[in-house]
Amino acid sequence: MLISSLPRYEALVQHIPVLEKQLSALMSHVKICRDCNVATVMADSYAKWLQRLIESLRLDGTEHFFAVGNLSKHRIVLQGENSTLRLSQTGQFLVPISCPPAQLVRFISTKRSDSQYLMQQYDRDYKVEQEQMQRCQEELELETLMKDHNVSMPQMISCCRRLRQQHSELDPLLKGARLRVTQFYSVMQDGGMCIPWNWRT
């Protein structure tokens, strides 16, 4: 990017929240955001996509697809143009920047119930996971218990339950340990231990 273009770019970035708010209002207050882990979604492309969708909703009247019900608990996450339009495991609408507005409207209209179910399932699993991790840490007297991001909640729940079931055998071995649930066995430089979620004795 040329230094001379920085003021225009900064102005564009500052205008993005305004566009997000306008689009959210047209779509029953659904939350709009960029995937911060996808570097390919640049601010200018994101702003253009927001503006195009706003204009389409206003011209075509497709905002009426969202007139029934409130979408404030739902979230649209804009991703790179090579991604696919889909629901995440947590119920988020994952949308490629190349997605035509009309296609997005149809997708949200037809997948809204599925999104709601996945969000509720996520909330239930999260509560169970936190409970199991706390009980596991207390019963095995671990110093810390963590997991890698690629270990799903059902996997972590299963792992903790199995650890607790065998706490009488494992307690002497793991007491005071810093345990991390991953996909592999390893000993970290600081002395912490990694075990796979589907560990074997």
C-alpha atoms as a PDB file:
ATOM      1  CA  MET A   1       0.000   0.000   0.000  1.00  0.00           C
ATOM      2  CA  LEU A   2       1.321   3.477  -0.925  1.00  0.00           C
ATOM      3  CA  ILE A   3       1.843   5.913   1.947  1.00  0.00           C
ATOM      4  CA  SER A   4      -0.261   8.463   0.079  1.00  0.00           C
ATOM      5  CA  SER A   5      -3.246   6.129   0.214  1.00  0.00           C
ATOM      6  CA  LEU A   6      -3.126   5.636   4.000  1.00  0.00           C
ATOM      7  CA  PRO A   7      -5.592   8.453   4.874  1.00  0.00           C
ATOM      8  CA  ARG A   8      -8.187   7.032   2.471  1.00  0.00           C
ATOM      9  CA  TYR A   9      -7.642   3.525   3.862  1.00  0.00           C
ATOM     10  CA  GLU A  10      -7.984   4.711   7.462  1.00  0.00           C
ATOM     11  CA  ALA A  11     -11.188   6.539   6.585  1.00  0.00           C
ATOM     12  CA  LEU A  12     -12.518   3.349   5.017  1.00  0.00           C
ATOM     13  CA  VAL A  13     -11.702   1.301   8.113  1.00  0.00           C
ATOM     14  CA  GLN A  14     -13.465   3.850  10.309  1.00  0.00           C
ATOM     15  CA  HIS A  15     -16.554   3.668   8.056  1.00  0.00           C
ATOM     16  CA  ILE A  16     -16.861  -0.125   8.311  1.00  0.00           C
ATOM     17  CA  PRO A  17     -18.695  -0.133  11.689  1.00  0.00           C
ATOM     18  CA  VAL A  18     -21.279   2.216  10.158  1.00  0.00           C
ATOM     19  CA  LEU A  19     -21.871  -0.206   7.287  1.00  0.00           C
ATOM     20  CA  GLU A  20     -22.032  -3.173   9.670  1.00  0.00           C
ATOM     21  CA  LYS A  21     -24.665  -1.368  11.741  1.00  0.00           C
ATOM     22  CA  GLN A  22     -26.723  -0.498   8.646  1.00  0.00           C
ATOM     23  CA  LEU A  23     -26.610  -4.076   7.373  1.00  0.00           C
ATOM     24  CA  SER A  24     -27.437  -5.497  10.779  1.00  0.00           C
ATOM     25  CA  ALA A  25     -30.512  -3.268  10.993  1.00  0.00           C
ATOM     26  CA  LEU A  26     -31.740  -4.601   7.627  1.00  0.00           C
ATOM     27  CA  MET A  27     -31.232  -8.205   8.737  1.00  0.00           C
ATOM     28  CA  SER A  28     -33.065  -8.237  12.054  1.00  0.00           C
ATOM     29  CA  HIS A  29     -29.980  -7.172  14.008  1.00  0.00           C
ATOM     30  CA  VAL A  30     -27.776 -10.137  13.089  1.00  0.00           C
ATOM     31  CA  LYS A  31     -24.159  -9.547  14.185  1.00  0.00           C
ATOM     32  CA  ILE A  32     -21.722  -8.870  11.319  1.00  0.00           C
ATOM     33  CA  CYS A  33     -17.955  -9.383  11.552  1.00  0.00           C
ATOM     34  CA  ARG A  34     -14.829 -10.356   9.652  1.00  0.00           C
ATOM     35  CA  ASP A  35     -12.857 -13.511  10.369  1.00  0.00           C
ATOM     36  CA  CYS A  36      -9.779 -12.008  12.023  1.00  0.00           C
ATOM     37  CA  ASN A  37      -7.808 -15.171  11.189  1.00  0.00           C
ATOM     38  CA  VAL A  38      -8.301 -14.750   7.435  1.00  0.00           C
ATOM     39  CA  ALA A  39      -5.812 -12.209   6.154  1.00  0.00           C
ATOM     40  CA  THR A  40      -7.253 -12.350   2.646  1.00  0.00           C
ATOM     41  CA  VAL A  41     -10.384 -10.464   3.731  1.00  0.00           C
ATOM     42  CA  MET A  42      -9.055  -6.922   3.338  1.00  0.00           C
ATOM     43  CA  ALA A  43     -10.860  -3.871   4.625  1.00  0.00           C
ATOM     44  CA  ASP A  44     -11.643  -2.487   1.173  1.00  0.00           C
ATOM     45  CA  SER A  45     -13.102  -5.796  -0.060  1.00  0.00           C
ATOM     46  CA  TYR A  46     -15.079  -6.161   3.141  1.00  0.00           C
ATOM     47  CA  ALA A  47     -16.501  -2.641   2.865  1.00  0.00           C
ATOM     48  CA  LYS A  48     -17.502  -3.191  -0.771  1.00  0.00           C
ATOM     49  CA  TRP A  49     -19.243  -6.452   0.124  1.00  0.00           C
ATOM     50  CA  LEU A  50     -21.143  -4.764   2.944  1.00  0.00           C
ATOM     51  CA  GLN A  51     -22.226  -1.920   0.660  1.00  0.00           C
ATOM     52  CA  ARG A  52     -23.284  -4.306  -2.111  1.00  0.00           C
ATOM     53  CA  LEU A  53     -25.396  -6.352   0.266  1.00  0.00           C
ATOM     54  CA  ILE A  54     -26.998  -3.258   1.803  1.00  0.00           C
ATOM     55  CA  GLU A  55     -27.953  -1.942  -1.647  1.00  0.00           C
ATOM     56  CA  SER A  56     -29.316  -5.331  -2.706  1.00  0.00           C
ATOM     57  CA  LEU A  57     -31.472  -5.647   0.396  1.00  0.00           C
ATOM     58  CA  ARG A  58     -32.877  -2.175  -0.058  1.00  0.00           C
ATOM     59  CA  LEU A  59     -33.537  -2.478  -3.802  1.00  0.00           C
ATOM     60  CA  ASP A  60     -34.933  -6.010  -3.850  1.00  0.00           C
ATOM     61  CA  GLY A  61     -36.876  -5.777  -0.632  1.00  0.00           C
ATOM     62  CA  THR A  62     -35.238  -8.961   0.580  1.00  0.00           C
ATOM     63  CA  GLU A  63     -34.994  -7.489   4.067  1.00  0.00           C
ATOM     64  CA  HIS A  64     -38.513  -8.860   4.513  1.00  0.00           C
ATOM     65  CA  PHE A  65     -37.008 -12.346   4.702  1.00  0.00           C
ATOM     66  CA  PHE A  66     -35.847 -11.315   8.169  1.00  0.00           C
ATOM     67  CA  ALA A  67     -39.035  -9.616   9.310  1.00  0.00           C
ATOM     68  CA  VAL A  68     -40.115 -12.652  11.335  1.00  0.00           C
ATOM     69  CA  GLY A  69     -38.048 -13.273  14.430  1.00  0.00           C
ATOM     70  CA  ASN A  70     -34.967 -11.603  15.820  1.00  0.00           C
ATOM     71  CA  LEU A  71     -31.467 -12.570  14.645  1.00  0.00           C
ATOM     72  CA  SER A  72     -29.524 -10.644  17.285  1.00  0.00           C
ATOM     73  CA  LYS A  73     -28.125 -13.866  18.739  1.00  0.00           C
ATOM     74  CA  HIS A  74     -26.859 -15.013  15.342  1.00  0.00           C
ATOM     75  CA  ARG A  75     -23.577 -14.050  13.719  1.00  0.00           C
ATOM     76  CA  ILE A  76     -22.331 -13.682  10.139  1.00  0.00           C
ATOM     77  CA  VAL A  77     -18.572 -14.186   9.808  1.00  0.00           C
ATOM     78  CA  LEU A  78     -17.144 -13.011   6.496  1.00  0.00           C
ATOM     79  CA  GLN A  79     -14.315 -15.192   5.176  1.00  0.00           C
ATOM     80  CA  GLY A  80     -12.017 -15.402   2.151  1.00  0.00           C
ATOM     81  CA  GLU A  81     -13.468 -15.709  -1.337  1.00  0.00           C
ATOM     82  CA  ASN A  82     -12.339 -19.349  -1.668  1.00  0.00           C
ATOM     83  CA  SER A  83     -14.283 -20.518   1.380  1.00  0.00           C
ATOM     84  CA  THR A  84     -17.765 -22.029   1.149  1.00  0.00           C
ATOM     85  CA  LEU A  85     -21.100 -20.794   2.447  1.00  0.00           C
ATOM     86  CA  ARG A  86     -21.888 -22.951   5.463  1.00  0.00           C
ATOM     87  CA  LEU A  87     -22.787 -23.152   9.137  1.00  0.00           C
ATOM     88  CA  SER A  88     -20.019 -23.534  11.684  1.00  0.00           C
ATOM     89  CA  GLN A  89     -20.237 -26.113  14.458  1.00  0.00           C
ATOM     90  CA  THR A  90     -21.221 -23.291  16.805  1.00  0.00           C
ATOM     91  CA  GLY A  91     -24.055 -22.045  14.559  1.00  0.00           C
ATOM     92  CA  GLN A  92     -22.296 -19.092  12.913  1.00  0.00           C
ATOM     93  CA  PHE A  93     -23.036 -18.282   9.270  1.00  0.00           C
ATOM     94  CA  LEU A  94     -19.643 -18.531   7.534  1.00  0.00           C
ATOM     95  CA  VAL A  95     -19.858 -16.460   4.364  1.00  0.00           C
ATOM     96  CA  PRO A  96     -17.259 -16.116   1.578  1.00  0.00           C
ATOM     97  CA  ILE A  97     -16.736 -12.552   0.423  1.00  0.00           C
ATOM     98  CA  SER A  98     -17.702 -13.691  -3.079  1.00  0.00           C
ATOM     99  CA  CYS A  99     -21.186 -14.838  -1.971  1.00  0.00           C
ATOM    100  CA  PRO A 100     -24.021 -13.143  -3.918  1.00  0.00           C
ATOM    101  CA  PRO A 101     -26.420 -11.275  -1.608  1.00  0.00           C
ATOM    102  CA  ALA A 102     -29.502 -13.173  -2.806  1.00  0.00           C
ATOM    103  CA  GLN A 103     -27.812 -16.500  -2.079  1.00  0.00           C
ATOM    104  CA  LEU A 104     -26.924 -15.353   1.434  1.00  0.00           C
ATOM    105  CA  VAL A 105     -30.509 -14.299   2.109  1.00  0.00           C
ATOM    106  CA  ARG A 106     -31.826 -17.707   1.015  1.00  0.00           C
ATOM    107  CA  PHE A 107     -29.198 -19.536   3.037  1.00  0.00           C
ATOM    108  CA  ILE A 108     -29.947 -17.695   6.272  1.00  0.00           C
ATOM    109  CA  SER A 109     -33.692 -18.049   5.739  1.00  0.00           C
ATOM    110  CA  THR A 110     -33.437 -21.822   5.337  1.00  0.00           C
ATOM    111  CA  LYS A 111     -30.694 -22.471   7.911  1.00  0.00           C
ATOM    112  CA  ARG A 112     -31.841 -20.206  10.727  1.00  0.00           C
ATOM    113  CA  SER A 113     -33.385 -23.075  12.726  1.00  0.00           C
ATOM    114  CA  ASP A 114     -30.270 -25.197  12.271  1.00  0.00           C
ATOM    115  CA  SER A 115     -28.147 -22.285  13.458  1.00  0.00           C
ATOM    116  CA  GLN A 116     -30.288 -21.884  16.560  1.00  0.00           C
ATOM    117  CA  TYR A 117     -30.002 -25.593  17.360  1.00  0.00           C
ATOM    118  CA  LEU A 118     -26.208 -25.561  16.977  1.00  0.00           C
ATOM    119  CA  MET A 119     -25.870 -22.501  19.209  1.00  0.00           C
ATOM    120  CA  GLN A 120     -27.965 -24.148  21.907  1.00  0.00           C
ATOM    121  CA  GLN A 121     -25.963 -27.355  21.577  1.00  0.00           C
ATOM    122  CA  TYR A 122     -22.738 -25.372  21.890  1.00  0.00           C
ATOM    123  CA  ASP A 123     -23.957 -23.673  25.067  1.00  0.00           C
ATOM    124  CA  ARG A 124     -24.904 -27.026  26.599  1.00  0.00           C
ATOM    125  CA  ASP A 125     -21.594 -28.644  25.655  1.00  0.00           C
ATOM    126  CA  TYR A 126     -19.619 -25.658  26.931  1.00  0.00           C
ATOM    127  CA  LYS A 127     -21.246 -25.844  30.359  1.00  0.00           C
ATOM    128  CA  VAL A 128     -20.675 -29.607  30.582  1.00  0.00           C
ATOM    129  CA  GLU A 129     -17.066 -29.236  29.420  1.00  0.00           C
ATOM    130  CA  GLN A 130     -16.285 -26.563  32.020  1.00  0.00           C
ATOM    131  CA  GLU A 131     -17.895 -28.643  34.756  1.00  0.00           C
ATOM    132  CA  GLN A 132     -15.979 -31.775  33.760  1.00  0.00           C
ATOM    133  CA  MET A 133     -12.666 -29.915  33.531  1.00  0.00           C
ATOM    134  CA  GLN A 134     -13.127 -28.385  36.983  1.00  0.00           C
ATOM    135  CA  ARG A 135     -14.090 -31.691  38.590  1.00  0.00           C
ATOM    136  CA  CYS A 136     -11.253 -33.488  36.825  1.00  0.00           C
ATOM    137  CA  GLN A 137      -8.694 -30.940  38.005  1.00  0.00           C
ATOM    138  CA  GLU A 138      -9.959 -31.115  41.579  1.00  0.00           C
ATOM    139  CA  GLU A 139     -10.264 -34.907  41.828  1.00  0.00           C
ATOM    140  CA  LEU A 140      -6.861 -35.601  40.255  1.00  0.00           C
ATOM    141  CA  GLU A 141      -5.304 -32.636  42.104  1.00  0.00           C
ATOM    142  CA  LEU A 142      -3.856 -31.198  38.900  1.00  0.00           C
ATOM    143  CA  GLU A 143      -2.084 -27.866  38.998  1.00  0.00           C
ATOM    144  CA  THR A 144      -3.590 -26.895  35.652  1.00  0.00           C
ATOM    145  CA  LEU A 145      -5.779 -28.531  33.015  1.00  0.00           C
ATOM    146  CA  MET A 146      -6.006 -27.080  29.522  1.00  0.00           C
ATOM    147  CA  LYS A 147      -6.731 -28.210  25.989  1.00  0.00           C
ATOM    148  CA  ASP A 148      -5.622 -27.383  22.456  1.00  0.00           C
ATOM    149  CA  HIS A 149      -8.022 -25.512  20.172  1.00  0.00           C
ATOM    150  CA  ASN A 150      -8.287 -28.552  17.881  1.00  0.00           C
ATOM    151  CA  VAL A 151      -9.772 -30.687  20.668  1.00  0.00           C
ATOM    152  CA  SER A 152     -13.538 -30.465  20.396  1.00  0.00           C
ATOM    153  CA  MET A 153     -15.811 -30.097  23.398  1.00  0.00           C
ATOM    154  CA  PRO A 154     -17.251 -33.639  23.089  1.00  0.00           C
ATOM    155  CA  GLN A 155     -13.684 -34.986  22.915  1.00  0.00           C
ATOM    156  CA  MET A 156     -12.639 -33.014  26.000  1.00  0.00           C
ATOM    157  CA  ILE A 157     -15.728 -34.111  27.910  1.00  0.00           C
ATOM    158  CA  SER A 158     -15.003 -37.751  27.084  1.00  0.00           C
ATOM    159  CA  CYS A 159     -11.360 -37.360  28.099  1.00  0.00           C
ATOM    160  CA  CYS A 160     -12.197 -35.781  31.461  1.00  0.00           C
ATOM    161  CA  ARG A 161     -14.808 -38.385  32.281  1.00  0.00           C
ATOM    162  CA  ARG A 162     -12.367 -41.202  31.591  1.00  0.00           C
ATOM    163  CA  LEU A 163      -9.680 -39.518  33.691  1.00  0.00           C
ATOM    164  CA  ARG A 164     -12.114 -39.175  36.574  1.00  0.00           C
ATOM    165  CA  GLN A 165     -13.212 -42.788  36.263  1.00  0.00           C
ATOM    166  CA  GLN A 166      -9.613 -43.893  36.788  1.00  0.00           C
ATOM    167  CA  HIS A 167      -8.600 -41.198  39.260  1.00  0.00           C
ATOM    168  CA  SER A 168      -7.579 -43.732  41.945  1.00  0.00           C
ATOM    169  CA  GLU A 169      -4.920 -45.129  39.594  1.00  0.00           C
ATOM    170  CA  LEU A 170      -3.924 -41.835  37.988  1.00  0.00           C
ATOM    171  CA  ASP A 171      -3.943 -39.528  41.015  1.00  0.00           C
ATOM    172  CA  PRO A 172      -0.503 -40.596  42.296  1.00  0.00           C
ATOM    173  CA  LEU A 173       0.942 -40.088  38.794  1.00  0.00           C
ATOM    174  CA  LEU A 174      -0.738 -36.789  37.932  1.00  0.00           C
ATOM    175  CA  LYS A 175      -0.951 -35.029  41.307  1.00  0.00           C
ATOM    176  CA  GLY A 176       0.378 -31.497  40.861  1.00  0.00           C
ATOM    177  CA  ALA A 177       0.836 -31.965  37.103  1.00  0.00           C
ATOM    178  CA  ARG A 178       0.247 -29.342  34.433  1.00  0.00           C
ATOM    179  CA  LEU A 179      -1.841 -31.357  31.991  1.00  0.00           C
ATOM    180  CA  ARG A 180      -2.731 -30.348  28.444  1.00  0.00           C
ATOM    181  CA  VAL A 181      -5.140 -32.383  26.306  1.00  0.00           C
ATOM    182  CA  THR A 182      -4.028 -32.494  22.690  1.00  0.00           C
ATOM    183  CA  GLN A 183      -3.852 -35.005  19.844  1.00  0.00           C
ATOM    184  CA  PHE A 184      -0.530 -36.549  20.914  1.00  0.00           C
ATOM    185  CA  TYR A 185       1.730 -37.525  23.817  1.00  0.00           C
ATOM    186  CA  SER A 186       4.519 -35.111  24.718  1.00  0.00           C
ATOM    187  CA  VAL A 187       6.438 -33.535  27.589  1.00  0.00           C
ATOM    188  CA  MET A 188       6.878 -29.774  27.311  1.00  0.00           C
ATOM    189  CA  GLN A 189      10.043 -27.907  28.171  1.00  0.00           C
ATOM    190  CA  ASP A 190       8.472 -26.501  31.332  1.00  0.00           C
ATOM    191  CA  GLY A 191       7.623 -30.006  32.536  1.00  0.00           C
ATOM    192  CA  GLY A 192       3.982 -29.937  31.516  1.00  0.00           C
ATOM    193  CA  MET A 193       2.499 -33.085  30.025  1.00  0.00           C
ATOM    194  CA  CYS A 194       0.453 -33.452  26.834  1.00  0.00           C
ATOM    195  CA  ILE A 195      -1.882 -36.389  26.346  1.00  0.00           C
ATOM    196  CA  PRO A 196      -4.274 -37.129  23.458  1.00  0.00           C
ATOM    197  CA  TRP A 197      -7.952 -36.781  24.261  1.00  0.00           C
ATOM    198  CA  ASN A 198      -8.412 -40.506  23.483  1.00  0.00           C
ATOM    199  CA  TRP A 199      -5.499 -41.559  25.723  1.00  0.00           C
ATOM    200  CA  ARG A 200      -4.829 -45.152  26.651  1.00  0.00           C
ATOM    201  CA  THR A 201      -3.463 -46.574  29.872  1.00  0.00           C
END
